[in-house]
Amino acid sequence: MEKPKSIFILLALITFGIAASASPIFASDQCSMATMKGNYLDAQDGIILGKSADKNQPFAQAGREHFDGKGGISGIYSGNFNGTITRGSYKGIYKMNSNCSGTVTFEDNQKNVSRYDIYATQNGSEFVFVQTDSNSITAAYERRRAGQ
């Protein structure tokens, strides 16, 4: 008789976990696409992974990007990629969930595609991100520019 009770408890925990993961983490979280709107300043550094540890390449970049409040993003950047200076622009899309988490995917003017998970404040004034591409290790922070 103990087995069915254990299975019932396990199913209840799984169901609760699924329901909890779809709901806001904090009672005040109620983000939407419009949460991310305006111009943001960014700075980022990290490592682009090579085929072996001695082939890893450090990078740093800074720029400005614009979220349109409807799922579009565009920006400009300057970067130092293992000693090579690069300047460019990019365009892409973003999605926001009600719990203030989301994703960003963009392509730069050199046809490089990058993907990120983002986590925003409820009013969208700040967010953190981590790159989810397997060839890079980087995370950073962005803040909306004042005077919007």
N, C-alpha and C. Protein backbone atom coordinates (compact mmCIF):
# COMPACT_ATOMS: atom_id res chain seq x y z
N MET A 1 0.80 -1.21 0.00
CA MET A 1 0.00 0.00 0.00
C MET A 1 0.84 1.27 0.00
N GLU A 2 2.06 1.19 0.43
CA GLU A 2 2.90 2.39 0.52
C GLU A 2 3.28 2.92 -0.85
N LYS A 3 3.41 2.06 -1.86
CA LYS A 3 3.79 2.50 -3.21
C LYS A 3 2.80 3.50 -3.79
N PRO A 4 1.48 3.23 -3.82
CA PRO A 4 0.56 4.19 -4.41
C PRO A 4 0.61 5.55 -3.72
N LYS A 5 0.76 5.56 -2.41
CA LYS A 5 0.85 6.83 -1.69
C LYS A 5 2.10 7.61 -2.11
N SER A 6 3.23 6.92 -2.26
CA SER A 6 4.47 7.56 -2.70
C SER A 6 4.33 8.12 -4.10
N ILE A 7 3.70 7.36 -4.99
CA ILE A 7 3.50 7.82 -6.37
C ILE A 7 2.60 9.04 -6.37
N PHE A 8 1.54 9.03 -5.57
CA PHE A 8 0.63 10.18 -5.49
C PHE A 8 1.38 11.43 -5.02
N ILE A 9 2.20 11.29 -4.01
CA ILE A 9 2.98 12.43 -3.50
C ILE A 9 3.95 12.93 -4.56
N LEU A 10 4.62 12.01 -5.26
CA LEU A 10 5.54 12.39 -6.33
C LEU A 10 4.81 13.14 -7.44
N LEU A 11 3.65 12.63 -7.86
CA LEU A 11 2.88 13.31 -8.91
C LEU A 11 2.41 14.69 -8.44
N ALA A 12 2.02 14.80 -7.19
CA ALA A 12 1.59 16.09 -6.66
C ALA A 12 2.76 17.09 -6.66
N LEU A 13 3.93 16.63 -6.28
CA LEU A 13 5.10 17.52 -6.27
C LEU A 13 5.48 17.94 -7.68
N ILE A 14 5.44 17.01 -8.64
CA ILE A 14 5.75 17.35 -10.02
C ILE A 14 4.74 18.36 -10.55
N THR A 15 3.45 18.13 -10.31
CA THR A 15 2.41 19.05 -10.76
C THR A 15 2.60 20.42 -10.14
N PHE A 16 2.86 20.46 -8.84
CA PHE A 16 3.09 21.75 -8.17
C PHE A 16 4.31 22.45 -8.75
N GLY A 17 5.38 21.68 -9.00
CA GLY A 17 6.60 22.26 -9.57
C GLY A 17 6.36 22.86 -10.93
N ILE A 18 5.59 22.17 -11.78
CA ILE A 18 5.28 22.71 -13.11
C ILE A 18 4.44 23.97 -12.98
N ALA A 19 3.44 23.97 -12.12
CA ALA A 19 2.60 25.16 -11.94
C ALA A 19 3.40 26.31 -11.37
N ALA A 20 4.30 26.02 -10.43
CA ALA A 20 5.10 27.08 -9.82
C ALA A 20 6.08 27.68 -10.81
N SER A 21 6.62 26.85 -11.70
CA SER A 21 7.61 27.39 -12.64
C SER A 21 6.97 28.31 -13.66
N ALA A 22 5.69 28.17 -13.93
CA ALA A 22 5.01 29.03 -14.91
C ALA A 22 4.51 30.32 -14.29
N SER A 23 4.48 30.39 -12.96
CA SER A 23 3.95 31.58 -12.30
C SER A 23 5.10 32.50 -11.88
N PRO A 24 4.78 33.76 -11.57
CA PRO A 24 5.83 34.69 -11.14
C PRO A 24 6.55 34.17 -9.90
N ILE A 25 7.85 34.44 -9.82
CA ILE A 25 8.65 34.03 -8.67
C ILE A 25 8.31 34.90 -7.47
N PHE A 26 8.14 36.19 -7.71
CA PHE A 26 7.79 37.14 -6.67
C PHE A 26 6.41 37.69 -6.98
N ALA A 27 5.63 37.99 -5.97
CA ALA A 27 4.27 38.47 -6.18
C ALA A 27 4.24 39.73 -7.05
N SER A 28 5.28 40.54 -6.99
CA SER A 28 5.30 41.79 -7.74
C SER A 28 5.70 41.61 -9.21
N ASP A 29 6.19 40.42 -9.59
CA ASP A 29 6.63 40.19 -10.97
C ASP A 29 5.42 40.15 -11.90
N GLN A 30 5.37 41.05 -12.82
CA GLN A 30 4.34 41.06 -13.85
C GLN A 30 4.92 41.70 -15.10
N CYS A 31 5.95 41.10 -15.64
CA CYS A 31 6.62 41.66 -16.82
C CYS A 31 5.89 41.26 -18.09
N SER A 32 6.14 42.03 -19.15
CA SER A 32 5.61 41.76 -20.48
C SER A 32 6.64 42.25 -21.49
N MET A 33 6.34 42.13 -22.76
CA MET A 33 7.24 42.64 -23.79
C MET A 33 7.49 44.13 -23.59
N ALA A 34 6.47 44.87 -23.17
CA ALA A 34 6.59 46.32 -22.99
C ALA A 34 7.49 46.70 -21.82
N THR A 35 7.79 45.75 -20.93
CA THR A 35 8.70 46.03 -19.82
C THR A 35 10.06 46.48 -20.33
N MET A 36 10.50 45.84 -21.40
CA MET A 36 11.80 46.15 -21.99
C MET A 36 11.60 47.16 -23.11
N LYS A 37 11.71 48.43 -22.78
CA LYS A 37 11.52 49.49 -23.76
C LYS A 37 12.48 50.63 -23.46
N GLY A 38 13.23 51.03 -24.46
CA GLY A 38 14.14 52.15 -24.30
C GLY A 38 15.56 51.79 -24.66
N ASN A 39 16.45 52.73 -24.36
CA ASN A 39 17.88 52.58 -24.66
C ASN A 39 18.64 52.12 -23.42
N TYR A 40 19.52 51.15 -23.61
CA TYR A 40 20.30 50.58 -22.52
C TYR A 40 21.78 50.68 -22.86
N LEU A 41 22.61 50.91 -21.85
CA LEU A 41 24.06 50.87 -22.00
C LEU A 41 24.54 49.51 -21.52
N ASP A 42 25.50 48.95 -22.24
CA ASP A 42 25.98 47.63 -21.84
C ASP A 42 27.49 47.55 -21.90
N ALA A 43 28.03 46.68 -21.07
CA ALA A 43 29.46 46.32 -21.07
C ALA A 43 29.52 44.84 -20.75
N GLN A 44 30.39 44.14 -21.43
CA GLN A 44 30.44 42.69 -21.31
C GLN A 44 31.86 42.21 -21.57
N ASP A 45 32.27 41.18 -20.86
CA ASP A 45 33.53 40.53 -21.19
C ASP A 45 33.37 39.03 -20.94
N GLY A 46 34.29 38.27 -21.47
CA GLY A 46 34.19 36.84 -21.31
C GLY A 46 35.22 36.12 -22.15
N ILE A 47 34.89 34.88 -22.49
CA ILE A 47 35.81 34.03 -23.23
C ILE A 47 35.05 33.35 -24.37
N ILE A 48 35.65 33.36 -25.54
CA ILE A 48 35.16 32.55 -26.65
C ILE A 48 36.00 31.27 -26.63
N LEU A 49 35.35 30.15 -26.47
CA LEU A 49 36.05 28.88 -26.30
C LEU A 49 36.65 28.38 -27.60
N GLY A 50 37.89 27.92 -27.52
CA GLY A 50 38.55 27.29 -28.65
C GLY A 50 38.43 25.79 -28.58
N LYS A 51 39.08 25.09 -29.46
CA LYS A 51 39.03 23.62 -29.47
C LYS A 51 39.79 23.03 -28.28
N SER A 52 40.67 23.83 -27.67
CA SER A 52 41.38 23.42 -26.45
C SER A 52 41.59 24.67 -25.61
N ALA A 53 41.93 24.49 -24.34
CA ALA A 53 42.07 25.62 -23.42
C ALA A 53 43.07 26.66 -23.91
N ASP A 54 44.13 26.23 -24.56
CA ASP A 54 45.13 27.19 -25.05
C ASP A 54 44.64 27.97 -26.28
N LYS A 55 43.47 27.60 -26.82
CA LYS A 55 42.89 28.30 -27.97
C LYS A 55 41.75 29.24 -27.56
N ASN A 56 41.42 29.29 -26.26
CA ASN A 56 40.38 30.20 -25.79
C ASN A 56 40.78 31.65 -26.05
N GLN A 57 39.80 32.49 -26.38
CA GLN A 57 40.08 33.88 -26.69
C GLN A 57 39.25 34.80 -25.81
N PRO A 58 39.91 35.70 -25.06
CA PRO A 58 39.16 36.66 -24.24
C PRO A 58 38.56 37.76 -25.12
N PHE A 59 37.48 38.36 -24.64
CA PHE A 59 36.90 39.50 -25.34
C PHE A 59 36.29 40.46 -24.33
N ALA A 60 36.15 41.69 -24.77
CA ALA A 60 35.43 42.72 -24.01
C ALA A 60 34.74 43.61 -25.03
N GLN A 61 33.53 44.04 -24.69
CA GLN A 61 32.82 44.94 -25.59
C GLN A 61 31.89 45.84 -24.80
N ALA A 62 31.53 46.95 -25.42
CA ALA A 62 30.60 47.90 -24.83
C ALA A 62 29.73 48.46 -25.94
N GLY A 63 28.55 48.93 -25.58
CA GLY A 63 27.67 49.48 -26.60
C GLY A 63 26.39 50.04 -26.03
N ARG A 64 25.49 50.29 -26.96
CA ARG A 64 24.18 50.82 -26.63
C ARG A 64 23.15 50.06 -27.46
N GLU A 65 22.05 49.68 -26.82
CA GLU A 65 21.02 48.98 -27.55
C GLU A 65 19.64 49.53 -27.23
N HIS A 66 18.72 49.26 -28.15
CA HIS A 66 17.35 49.76 -28.03
C HIS A 66 16.37 48.60 -28.07
N PHE A 67 15.54 48.49 -27.04
CA PHE A 67 14.42 47.56 -27.01
C PHE A 67 13.18 48.36 -27.39
N ASP A 68 12.39 47.87 -28.35
CA ASP A 68 11.24 48.64 -28.84
C ASP A 68 9.95 48.41 -28.06
N GLY A 69 9.95 47.53 -27.06
CA GLY A 69 8.75 47.27 -26.28
C GLY A 69 7.80 46.28 -26.95
N LYS A 70 8.16 45.80 -28.15
CA LYS A 70 7.30 44.89 -28.91
C LYS A 70 8.01 43.62 -29.37
N GLY A 71 9.26 43.43 -28.94
CA GLY A 71 9.98 42.23 -29.31
C GLY A 71 11.17 42.45 -30.23
N GLY A 72 11.45 43.71 -30.59
CA GLY A 72 12.59 44.01 -31.45
C GLY A 72 13.73 44.66 -30.67
N ILE A 73 14.95 44.35 -31.05
CA ILE A 73 16.13 44.92 -30.42
C ILE A 73 17.14 45.29 -31.51
N SER A 74 17.84 46.39 -31.31
CA SER A 74 18.91 46.79 -32.23
C SER A 74 19.98 47.49 -31.40
N GLY A 75 21.21 47.50 -31.92
CA GLY A 75 22.28 48.13 -31.15
C GLY A 75 23.54 48.33 -31.94
N ILE A 76 24.48 49.01 -31.29
CA ILE A 76 25.83 49.24 -31.81
C ILE A 76 26.82 48.84 -30.73
N TYR A 77 28.04 48.47 -31.15
CA TYR A 77 29.04 48.04 -30.17
C TYR A 77 30.45 48.29 -30.69
N SER A 78 31.39 48.34 -29.76
CA SER A 78 32.82 48.29 -30.03
C SER A 78 33.37 47.16 -29.17
N GLY A 79 34.28 46.38 -29.74
CA GLY A 79 34.80 45.25 -28.99
C GLY A 79 36.27 44.99 -29.25
N ASN A 80 36.88 44.35 -28.29
CA ASN A 80 38.25 43.87 -28.41
C ASN A 80 38.17 42.35 -28.28
N PHE A 81 38.42 41.66 -29.39
CA PHE A 81 38.34 40.22 -29.43
C PHE A 81 39.74 39.65 -29.58
N ASN A 82 40.34 39.28 -28.45
CA ASN A 82 41.69 38.73 -28.41
C ASN A 82 42.70 39.65 -29.10
N GLY A 83 42.51 40.96 -28.91
CA GLY A 83 43.44 41.94 -29.47
C GLY A 83 42.98 42.55 -30.79
N THR A 84 41.92 42.04 -31.39
CA THR A 84 41.40 42.59 -32.64
C THR A 84 40.21 43.50 -32.32
N ILE A 85 40.30 44.76 -32.70
CA ILE A 85 39.24 45.73 -32.44
C ILE A 85 38.16 45.60 -33.52
N THR A 86 36.92 45.54 -33.07
CA THR A 86 35.78 45.41 -33.97
C THR A 86 34.70 46.41 -33.56
N ARG A 87 34.07 47.02 -34.55
CA ARG A 87 32.91 47.88 -34.32
C ARG A 87 31.79 47.37 -35.21
N GLY A 88 30.57 47.40 -34.70
CA GLY A 88 29.48 46.87 -35.51
C GLY A 88 28.11 47.24 -34.99
N SER A 89 27.13 46.62 -35.61
CA SER A 89 25.73 46.82 -35.23
C SER A 89 25.03 45.47 -35.26
N TYR A 90 23.84 45.41 -34.69
CA TYR A 90 23.08 44.16 -34.66
C TYR A 90 21.59 44.45 -34.55
N LYS A 91 20.80 43.45 -34.93
CA LYS A 91 19.34 43.48 -34.81
C LYS A 91 18.87 42.11 -34.40
N GLY A 92 17.74 42.07 -33.69
CA GLY A 92 17.23 40.78 -33.28
C GLY A 92 15.87 40.87 -32.64
N ILE A 93 15.56 39.81 -31.90
CA ILE A 93 14.26 39.70 -31.23
C ILE A 93 14.47 39.36 -29.75
N TYR A 94 13.45 39.69 -28.95
CA TYR A 94 13.46 39.28 -27.55
C TYR A 94 12.06 38.84 -27.16
N LYS A 95 12.00 38.03 -26.12
CA LYS A 95 10.73 37.58 -25.54
C LYS A 95 10.83 37.75 -24.04
N MET A 96 9.77 38.19 -23.42
CA MET A 96 9.72 38.34 -21.96
C MET A 96 8.57 37.51 -21.41
N ASN A 97 8.81 36.86 -20.28
CA ASN A 97 7.79 36.10 -19.57
C ASN A 97 7.26 36.93 -18.41
N SER A 98 6.10 36.55 -17.90
CA SER A 98 5.48 37.32 -16.80
C SER A 98 6.35 37.32 -15.55
N ASN A 99 7.24 36.33 -15.38
CA ASN A 99 8.11 36.28 -14.20
C ASN A 99 9.40 37.09 -14.41
N CYS A 100 9.43 37.94 -15.44
CA CYS A 100 10.55 38.85 -15.72
C CYS A 100 11.81 38.14 -16.21
N SER A 101 11.67 36.92 -16.70
CA SER A 101 12.77 36.23 -17.38
C SER A 101 12.47 36.28 -18.88
N GLY A 102 13.49 36.10 -19.69
CA GLY A 102 13.25 36.13 -21.12
C GLY A 102 14.45 35.65 -21.90
N THR A 103 14.36 35.81 -23.22
CA THR A 103 15.44 35.41 -24.12
C THR A 103 15.67 36.51 -25.14
N VAL A 104 16.89 36.59 -25.64
CA VAL A 104 17.28 37.53 -26.69
C VAL A 104 18.08 36.74 -27.73
N THR A 105 17.79 36.97 -28.99
CA THR A 105 18.58 36.40 -30.09
C THR A 105 18.82 37.51 -31.09
N PHE A 106 20.07 37.70 -31.48
CA PHE A 106 20.35 38.72 -32.49
C PHE A 106 21.47 38.29 -33.42
N GLU A 107 21.54 38.99 -34.56
CA GLU A 107 22.59 38.76 -35.54
C GLU A 107 23.28 40.09 -35.80
N ASP A 108 24.62 40.08 -35.78
CA ASP A 108 25.36 41.32 -36.02
C ASP A 108 25.65 41.50 -37.51
N ASN A 109 26.25 42.62 -37.85
CA ASN A 109 26.53 42.95 -39.25
C ASN A 109 27.57 42.01 -39.87
N GLN A 110 28.22 41.18 -39.07
CA GLN A 110 29.16 40.18 -39.60
C GLN A 110 28.53 38.79 -39.65
N LYS A 111 27.22 38.73 -39.46
CA LYS A 111 26.43 37.48 -39.53
C LYS A 111 26.65 36.53 -38.36
N ASN A 112 27.19 37.03 -37.24
CA ASN A 112 27.33 36.23 -36.02
C ASN A 112 26.01 36.26 -35.26
N VAL A 113 25.50 35.09 -34.90
CA VAL A 113 24.25 34.98 -34.14
C VAL A 113 24.60 34.70 -32.68
N SER A 114 23.93 35.43 -31.77
CA SER A 114 24.16 35.25 -30.33
C SER A 114 22.82 35.08 -29.62
N ARG A 115 22.81 34.26 -28.57
CA ARG A 115 21.60 33.98 -27.79
C ARG A 115 21.88 34.19 -26.31
N TYR A 116 20.88 34.74 -25.62
CA TYR A 116 21.03 35.05 -24.20
C TYR A 116 19.74 34.75 -23.44
N ASP A 117 19.89 34.39 -22.17
CA ASP A 117 18.79 34.40 -21.21
C ASP A 117 18.92 35.70 -20.43
N ILE A 118 17.78 36.39 -20.20
CA ILE A 118 17.81 37.65 -19.47
C ILE A 118 16.85 37.60 -18.29
N TYR A 119 17.14 38.41 -17.27
CA TYR A 119 16.33 38.52 -16.07
C TYR A 119 16.24 40.00 -15.72
N ALA A 120 15.02 40.56 -15.77
CA ALA A 120 14.83 42.00 -15.63
C ALA A 120 14.16 42.35 -14.31
N THR A 121 14.35 43.62 -13.91
CA THR A 121 13.56 44.15 -12.81
C THR A 121 12.14 44.34 -13.31
N GLN A 122 11.19 44.47 -12.40
CA GLN A 122 9.78 44.57 -12.78
C GLN A 122 9.53 45.76 -13.71
N ASN A 123 10.23 46.87 -13.51
CA ASN A 123 10.01 48.04 -14.37
C ASN A 123 10.95 48.06 -15.58
N GLY A 124 11.80 47.07 -15.72
CA GLY A 124 12.68 46.97 -16.88
C GLY A 124 13.85 47.94 -16.88
N SER A 125 14.10 48.62 -15.77
CA SER A 125 15.18 49.60 -15.73
C SER A 125 16.56 48.95 -15.72
N GLU A 126 16.64 47.69 -15.32
CA GLU A 126 17.91 46.97 -15.26
C GLU A 126 17.65 45.51 -15.60
N PHE A 127 18.67 44.86 -16.14
CA PHE A 127 18.58 43.41 -16.31
C PHE A 127 19.97 42.81 -16.35
N VAL A 128 20.03 41.51 -16.08
CA VAL A 128 21.26 40.74 -16.19
C VAL A 128 21.06 39.71 -17.29
N PHE A 129 22.18 39.23 -17.84
CA PHE A 129 22.06 38.23 -18.88
C PHE A 129 23.24 37.28 -18.86
N VAL A 130 23.02 36.12 -19.44
CA VAL A 130 24.07 35.12 -19.62
C VAL A 130 23.94 34.59 -21.04
N GLN A 131 25.07 34.46 -21.72
CA GLN A 131 25.04 33.93 -23.08
C GLN A 131 24.80 32.43 -23.02
N THR A 132 23.92 31.92 -23.87
CA THR A 132 23.57 30.51 -23.85
C THR A 132 24.16 29.73 -25.02
N ASP A 133 24.99 30.38 -25.84
CA ASP A 133 25.70 29.67 -26.91
C ASP A 133 26.82 28.85 -26.27
N SER A 134 27.02 27.63 -26.75
CA SER A 134 27.99 26.73 -26.12
C SER A 134 29.44 27.14 -26.36
N ASN A 135 29.69 28.07 -27.27
CA ASN A 135 31.08 28.45 -27.56
C ASN A 135 31.54 29.70 -26.80
N SER A 136 30.71 30.22 -25.90
CA SER A 136 31.08 31.44 -25.16
C SER A 136 30.74 31.31 -23.69
N ILE A 137 31.56 31.96 -22.87
CA ILE A 137 31.28 32.06 -21.44
C ILE A 137 31.26 33.54 -21.11
N THR A 138 30.07 34.07 -20.84
CA THR A 138 29.94 35.48 -20.50
C THR A 138 28.61 35.76 -19.82
N ALA A 139 28.64 36.73 -18.93
CA ALA A 139 27.43 37.23 -18.28
C ALA A 139 27.68 38.70 -17.99
N ALA A 140 26.62 39.49 -17.94
CA ALA A 140 26.79 40.92 -17.69
C ALA A 140 25.49 41.54 -17.21
N TYR A 141 25.51 42.84 -17.10
CA TYR A 141 24.45 43.64 -16.51
C TYR A 141 24.20 44.85 -17.41
N GLU A 142 22.94 45.25 -17.56
CA GLU A 142 22.62 46.46 -18.33
C GLU A 142 21.66 47.34 -17.57
N ARG A 143 21.75 48.64 -17.86
CA ARG A 143 20.89 49.62 -17.20
C ARG A 143 20.30 50.54 -18.26
N ARG A 144 19.00 50.84 -18.09
CA ARG A 144 18.34 51.77 -19.00
C ARG A 144 18.93 53.15 -18.81
N ARG A 145 19.18 53.83 -19.91
CA ARG A 145 19.69 55.20 -19.88
C ARG A 145 18.65 56.13 -19.31
N ALA A 146 19.07 57.05 -18.46
CA ALA A 146 18.15 58.06 -17.91
C ALA A 146 17.72 59.01 -19.01
N GLY A 147 16.60 59.66 -18.81
CA GLY A 147 16.13 60.66 -19.76
C GLY A 147 15.33 60.08 -20.90
N GLN A 148 14.70 58.95 -20.67
CA GLN A 148 13.90 58.33 -21.73
C GLN A 148 12.67 59.15 -22.04
